[in-house]
Amino acid sequence: MSQRRDRFERGVRELYGRAVRVPLPDPEAERTHYENMTRIADGRDRQAALLADPDAPLSAALDYLVDEMGNGFEHRLRRLVGDDYDGVADAYAAGERDDWVGELAVYYRECLHRIEEHTAVDDQVCVLVVLRYPDSFTVNFCFAEGALPGGGVRFESPTHAGVDADDEYAERYYAESQYAQREAADYVREGGDVVREQFPDPETTPLAERGYGGFTYMTGRRDDVFADLLEPVAPDPERFADAVDAPCLVPEGPEARRVRETHLPDADVVA
């Protein structure tokens, strides 16, 4: 197991600071991308409902988020690489293949593994940046340590705080936590609207109006405090000079760097 992980880590280090670029060559690709963005927006609505429900534990909302993000990356793995994505990623990490399929397998599998571990890891922020250009879109995913993002919303988890139910302040703490979670639910729901605005229906929106769009999503925790941030991001129209005809890895764009400089100026990117 340790040898396999060592090979995997070597492959990940080669991909540091990069993003996936996927072409949008035809209406079918446009429709698929739009449906994926709609699923993200709808997922925000469902997570908001769980946060606002006083009978639903916070863990349900957090687990739902992890499951949704993990399912999304596993779907991309299977769609772009195939069912044997583990074997493909291991072969690339071991130097047995050197192609874009192997690169994407390593990139997406690392994302999947880190998402699965996310809620159990303290002081680590997941940063997702999705950007739309006229002929393609990019997905940039990384993790940072050392600070929670500025902006967005924060809420507390009594479970992570280890509050004793018999403590004289427990009832008040739980009440305040639930109030903060309801406040967070409103913010999370509004984030779904941001995604819908940035990625409108391609069948009813001219290319001139949908050719550029994007958002960043950040989530993380420090001790018992959870942070959630989703904001629109304006893509740099000068980023790409050439079209692309197959999914590939590209250097992360200036947009992703600006996002981190704005919201995580004191954090260190670790993967």
Protein backbone atom coordinates (compact mmCIF):
# COMPACT_ATOMS: atom_id res chain seq x y z
CA MET A 1 0.00 0.00 0.00
CA SER A 2 2.79 2.46 0.89
CA GLN A 3 4.56 1.83 -2.44
CA ARG A 4 1.33 2.45 -4.31
CA ARG A 5 0.76 5.67 -2.39
CA ASP A 6 4.35 6.81 -3.02
CA ARG A 7 3.86 6.34 -6.77
CA PHE A 8 0.57 8.17 -6.55
CA GLU A 9 2.13 11.11 -4.70
CA ARG A 10 4.90 11.38 -7.30
CA GLY A 11 2.28 11.66 -10.00
CA VAL A 12 0.37 14.29 -8.06
CA ARG A 13 3.49 16.42 -7.56
CA GLU A 14 3.94 16.51 -11.35
CA LEU A 15 0.43 17.97 -11.70
CA TYR A 16 0.74 20.69 -9.06
CA GLY A 17 -0.84 24.02 -10.06
CA ARG A 18 -2.72 22.71 -13.07
CA ALA A 19 -6.33 22.58 -14.23
CA VAL A 20 -8.39 20.41 -16.55
CA ARG A 21 -9.54 22.01 -19.81
CA VAL A 22 -12.47 20.34 -21.59
CA PRO A 23 -13.62 21.34 -25.10
CA LEU A 24 -17.22 22.29 -25.91
CA PRO A 25 -17.32 21.42 -29.62
CA ASP A 26 -21.03 20.86 -30.18
CA PRO A 27 -24.56 21.23 -28.71
CA GLU A 28 -24.33 17.84 -26.97
CA ALA A 29 -21.20 18.87 -25.07
CA GLU A 30 -22.82 22.20 -24.21
CA ARG A 31 -25.90 20.41 -22.88
CA THR A 32 -23.82 18.00 -20.77
CA HIS A 33 -21.85 20.84 -19.21
CA TYR A 34 -25.01 22.81 -18.50
CA GLU A 35 -26.64 19.79 -16.84
CA ASN A 36 -23.55 19.28 -14.66
CA MET A 37 -23.68 22.90 -13.52
CA THR A 38 -27.41 22.57 -12.87
CA ARG A 39 -26.73 19.55 -10.65
CA ILE A 40 -24.27 21.64 -8.62
CA ALA A 41 -26.87 24.38 -8.21
CA ASP A 42 -29.61 21.90 -7.26
CA GLY A 43 -27.22 20.29 -4.79
CA ARG A 44 -26.81 23.65 -3.06
CA ASP A 45 -30.60 23.80 -2.65
CA ARG A 46 -30.71 20.33 -1.09
CA GLN A 47 -27.79 21.07 1.22
CA ALA A 48 -29.48 24.31 2.29
CA ALA A 49 -32.63 22.38 3.19
CA LEU A 50 -30.61 20.03 5.39
CA LEU A 51 -28.84 22.92 7.12
CA ALA A 52 -32.16 24.63 7.84
CA ASP A 53 -33.88 21.50 9.15
CA PRO A 54 -33.67 21.48 12.99
CA ASP A 55 -34.25 17.73 13.01
CA ALA A 56 -31.41 16.98 10.60
CA PRO A 57 -27.93 16.67 12.12
CA LEU A 58 -25.23 18.90 10.66
CA SER A 59 -23.36 15.77 9.66
CA ALA A 60 -26.15 15.01 7.15
CA ALA A 61 -25.55 18.29 5.31
CA LEU A 62 -21.77 17.82 5.39
CA ASP A 63 -21.94 14.20 4.26
CA TYR A 64 -24.30 15.17 1.46
CA LEU A 65 -21.81 17.75 0.21
CA VAL A 66 -18.95 15.25 0.27
CA ASP A 67 -21.03 12.60 -1.50
CA GLU A 68 -22.14 15.03 -4.21
CA MET A 69 -18.64 16.30 -4.92
CA GLY A 70 -17.16 12.81 -4.79
CA ASN A 71 -19.81 11.44 -7.16
CA GLY A 72 -19.08 14.28 -9.57
CA PHE A 73 -15.37 13.53 -9.74
CA GLU A 74 -15.91 9.77 -9.98
CA HIS A 75 -18.36 10.37 -12.86
CA ARG A 76 -15.71 12.44 -14.64
CA LEU A 77 -13.13 9.72 -14.05
CA ARG A 78 -15.32 7.02 -15.55
CA ARG A 79 -16.45 9.23 -18.44
CA LEU A 80 -12.97 10.41 -19.48
CA VAL A 81 -10.77 7.49 -18.37
CA GLY A 82 -12.95 4.40 -18.01
CA ASP A 83 -13.86 2.03 -15.18
CA ASP A 84 -10.23 1.01 -14.62
CA TYR A 85 -9.19 4.52 -13.57
CA ASP A 86 -7.18 3.15 -10.63
CA GLY A 87 -5.03 1.06 -12.94
CA VAL A 88 -4.58 3.93 -15.38
CA ALA A 89 -3.60 6.36 -12.60
CA ASP A 90 -1.14 3.86 -11.09
CA ALA A 91 0.45 3.25 -14.49
CA TYR A 92 0.94 6.98 -15.04
CA ALA A 93 2.35 7.52 -11.55
CA ALA A 94 4.75 4.61 -12.07
CA GLY A 95 6.01 6.06 -15.36
CA GLU A 96 4.49 3.24 -17.42
CA ARG A 97 2.43 5.63 -19.54
CA ASP A 98 2.67 9.30 -20.42
CA ASP A 99 -0.56 10.58 -21.95
CA TRP A 100 -3.45 12.92 -21.17
CA VAL A 101 -5.67 10.02 -20.08
CA GLY A 102 -3.16 9.02 -17.41
CA GLU A 103 -2.72 12.63 -16.32
CA LEU A 104 -6.45 13.11 -15.90
CA ALA A 105 -6.77 9.82 -14.04
CA VAL A 106 -4.19 10.97 -11.48
CA TYR A 107 -5.66 14.48 -11.20
CA TYR A 108 -9.28 13.41 -10.73
CA ARG A 109 -8.43 10.48 -8.47
CA GLU A 110 -6.46 12.75 -6.15
CA CYS A 111 -9.46 15.09 -6.06
CA LEU A 112 -11.74 12.16 -5.25
CA HIS A 113 -9.53 10.86 -2.42
CA ARG A 114 -9.12 14.26 -0.83
CA ILE A 115 -12.84 14.97 -1.01
CA GLU A 116 -13.57 11.68 0.75
CA GLU A 117 -11.21 12.68 3.58
CA HIS A 118 -12.28 16.32 3.65
CA THR A 119 -14.67 16.59 6.61
CA ALA A 120 -12.28 14.57 8.79
CA VAL A 121 -9.34 16.92 8.13
CA ASP A 122 -9.00 20.04 10.26
CA ASP A 123 -7.60 23.36 8.99
CA GLN A 124 -7.83 22.47 5.30
CA VAL A 125 -9.85 24.35 2.67
CA CYS A 126 -11.07 22.79 -0.54
CA VAL A 127 -10.95 25.31 -3.43
CA LEU A 128 -12.84 24.68 -6.67
CA VAL A 129 -12.79 27.09 -9.63
CA VAL A 130 -14.96 26.38 -12.70
CA LEU A 131 -14.62 28.74 -15.66
CA ARG A 132 -16.43 28.88 -18.99
CA TYR A 133 -14.84 30.14 -22.21
CA PRO A 134 -16.50 30.25 -25.65
CA ASP A 135 -15.04 26.92 -26.82
CA SER A 136 -14.20 25.11 -23.55
CA PHE A 137 -14.35 25.13 -19.78
CA THR A 138 -11.74 24.56 -17.07
CA VAL A 139 -11.89 22.93 -13.65
CA ASN A 140 -9.21 23.82 -11.11
CA PHE A 141 -9.17 21.99 -7.79
CA CYS A 142 -6.74 22.41 -4.91
CA PHE A 143 -6.43 22.31 -1.12
CA ALA A 144 -4.97 24.98 1.14
CA GLU A 145 -3.98 24.97 4.80
CA GLY A 146 -3.48 27.68 7.39
CA ALA A 147 -6.63 29.81 7.23
CA LEU A 148 -10.34 29.75 6.49
CA PRO A 149 -11.51 31.86 3.55
CA GLY A 150 -12.47 35.46 4.09
CA GLY A 151 -16.06 36.19 3.12
CA GLY A 152 -18.83 33.67 2.64
CA VAL A 153 -20.51 32.25 5.72
CA ARG A 154 -19.41 30.36 8.84
CA PHE A 155 -21.28 28.12 11.24
CA GLU A 156 -20.43 25.91 14.20
CA SER A 157 -20.79 22.19 14.86
CA PRO A 158 -21.47 21.15 18.48
CA THR A 159 -20.39 17.62 17.58
CA HIS A 160 -16.93 18.77 16.48
CA ALA A 161 -16.69 21.04 19.51
CA GLY A 162 -17.19 18.06 21.84
CA VAL A 163 -19.88 19.86 23.84
CA ASP A 164 -21.21 17.77 26.72
CA ALA A 165 -25.02 17.64 26.64
CA ASP A 166 -25.04 18.01 30.44
CA ASP A 167 -22.99 21.19 30.37
CA GLU A 168 -24.93 24.19 31.70
CA TYR A 169 -24.21 26.11 28.50
CA ALA A 170 -24.97 23.23 26.13
CA GLU A 171 -28.60 24.17 25.41
CA ARG A 172 -27.67 27.74 24.55
CA TYR A 173 -24.72 26.63 22.42
CA TYR A 174 -26.87 24.20 20.44
CA ALA A 175 -29.53 26.88 19.91
CA GLU A 176 -26.96 29.40 18.68
CA SER A 177 -25.41 26.78 16.40
CA GLN A 178 -28.77 25.97 14.84
CA TYR A 179 -29.44 29.67 14.28
CA ALA A 180 -26.07 30.03 12.51
CA GLN A 181 -26.85 26.96 10.39
CA ARG A 182 -30.16 28.49 9.28
CA GLU A 183 -28.31 31.68 8.35
CA ALA A 184 -25.81 29.56 6.43
CA ALA A 185 -28.67 27.77 4.64
CA ASP A 186 -29.79 31.07 3.10
CA TYR A 187 -26.27 31.75 1.85
CA VAL A 188 -25.87 28.22 0.46
CA ARG A 189 -29.18 28.52 -1.40
CA GLU A 190 -28.13 31.86 -2.91
CA GLY A 191 -24.96 30.16 -4.14
CA GLY A 192 -27.08 27.87 -6.28
CA ASP A 193 -28.56 30.94 -7.96
CA VAL A 194 -25.05 32.23 -8.67
CA VAL A 195 -24.17 29.01 -10.49
CA ARG A 196 -27.37 29.18 -12.56
CA GLU A 197 -26.67 32.79 -13.52
CA GLN A 198 -23.10 32.02 -14.57
CA PHE A 199 -24.04 28.96 -16.64
CA PRO A 200 -27.40 29.61 -18.37
CA ASP A 201 -29.28 27.22 -20.63
CA PRO A 202 -27.40 27.01 -23.98
CA GLU A 203 -30.65 26.41 -25.88
CA THR A 204 -32.15 29.74 -24.81
CA THR A 205 -29.03 31.88 -24.32
CA PRO A 206 -26.90 33.19 -27.23
CA LEU A 207 -23.19 32.33 -27.17
CA ALA A 208 -22.36 36.01 -26.78
CA GLU A 209 -24.15 35.95 -23.41
CA ARG A 210 -22.95 32.55 -22.16
CA GLY A 211 -19.42 32.42 -23.60
CA TYR A 212 -17.82 33.59 -20.36
CA GLY A 213 -18.82 32.70 -16.82
CA GLY A 214 -17.50 31.06 -13.71
CA PHE A 215 -17.51 30.64 -9.97
CA THR A 216 -15.29 29.63 -7.09
CA TYR A 217 -16.41 27.39 -4.26
CA MET A 218 -14.51 27.01 -0.99
CA THR A 219 -15.30 24.85 2.00
CA GLY A 220 -13.28 23.94 5.07
CA ARG A 221 -13.23 23.82 8.83
CA ARG A 222 -11.08 24.79 11.78
CA ASP A 223 -11.97 22.96 14.98
CA ASP A 224 -15.78 23.30 15.26
CA VAL A 225 -16.15 26.18 12.75
CA PHE A 226 -17.11 25.41 9.15
CA ALA A 227 -16.76 27.87 6.27
CA ASP A 228 -18.60 28.00 2.95
CA LEU A 229 -17.97 30.46 0.14
CA LEU A 230 -19.37 30.58 -3.41
CA GLU A 231 -18.84 33.64 -5.60
CA PRO A 232 -18.84 34.41 -9.32
CA VAL A 233 -15.47 34.65 -11.04
CA ALA A 234 -14.85 36.52 -14.31
CA PRO A 235 -12.70 34.49 -16.73
CA ASP A 236 -9.71 36.14 -18.40
CA PRO A 237 -10.63 36.39 -22.13
CA GLU A 238 -6.93 36.39 -23.06
CA ARG A 239 -6.13 33.15 -21.24
CA PHE A 240 -6.27 30.80 -24.23
CA ALA A 241 -5.04 31.65 -27.73
CA ASP A 242 -5.73 28.23 -29.25
CA ALA A 243 -8.74 25.92 -29.36
CA VAL A 244 -8.60 22.43 -27.87
CA ASP A 245 -10.02 19.21 -29.33
CA ALA A 246 -9.63 16.82 -26.37
CA PRO A 247 -9.58 17.11 -22.56
CA CYS A 248 -6.15 18.08 -21.29
CA LEU A 249 -4.28 19.52 -18.33
CA VAL A 250 -3.22 23.16 -18.54
CA PRO A 251 -1.49 25.53 -16.11
CA GLU A 252 -3.91 27.02 -13.64
CA GLY A 253 -5.11 30.42 -14.78
CA PRO A 254 -4.68 33.88 -13.27
CA GLU A 255 -8.29 33.66 -12.08
CA ALA A 256 -7.51 30.82 -9.66
CA ARG A 257 -4.50 32.67 -8.29
CA ARG A 258 -6.55 35.84 -7.79
CA VAL A 259 -9.21 33.86 -5.93
CA ARG A 260 -6.65 32.49 -3.47
CA GLU A 261 -4.91 35.85 -3.05
CA THR A 262 -8.28 37.46 -2.28
CA HIS A 263 -9.80 34.89 0.05
CA LEU A 264 -6.84 32.85 1.33
CA PRO A 265 -3.88 35.26 1.45
CA ASP A 266 -2.35 33.57 4.51
CA ALA A 267 -2.94 29.95 3.50
CA ASP A 268 -0.50 27.56 1.83
CA VAL A 269 -1.55 25.44 -1.14
CA VAL A 270 -0.72 21.84 -0.24
CA ALA A 271 -2.18 19.96 -3.24
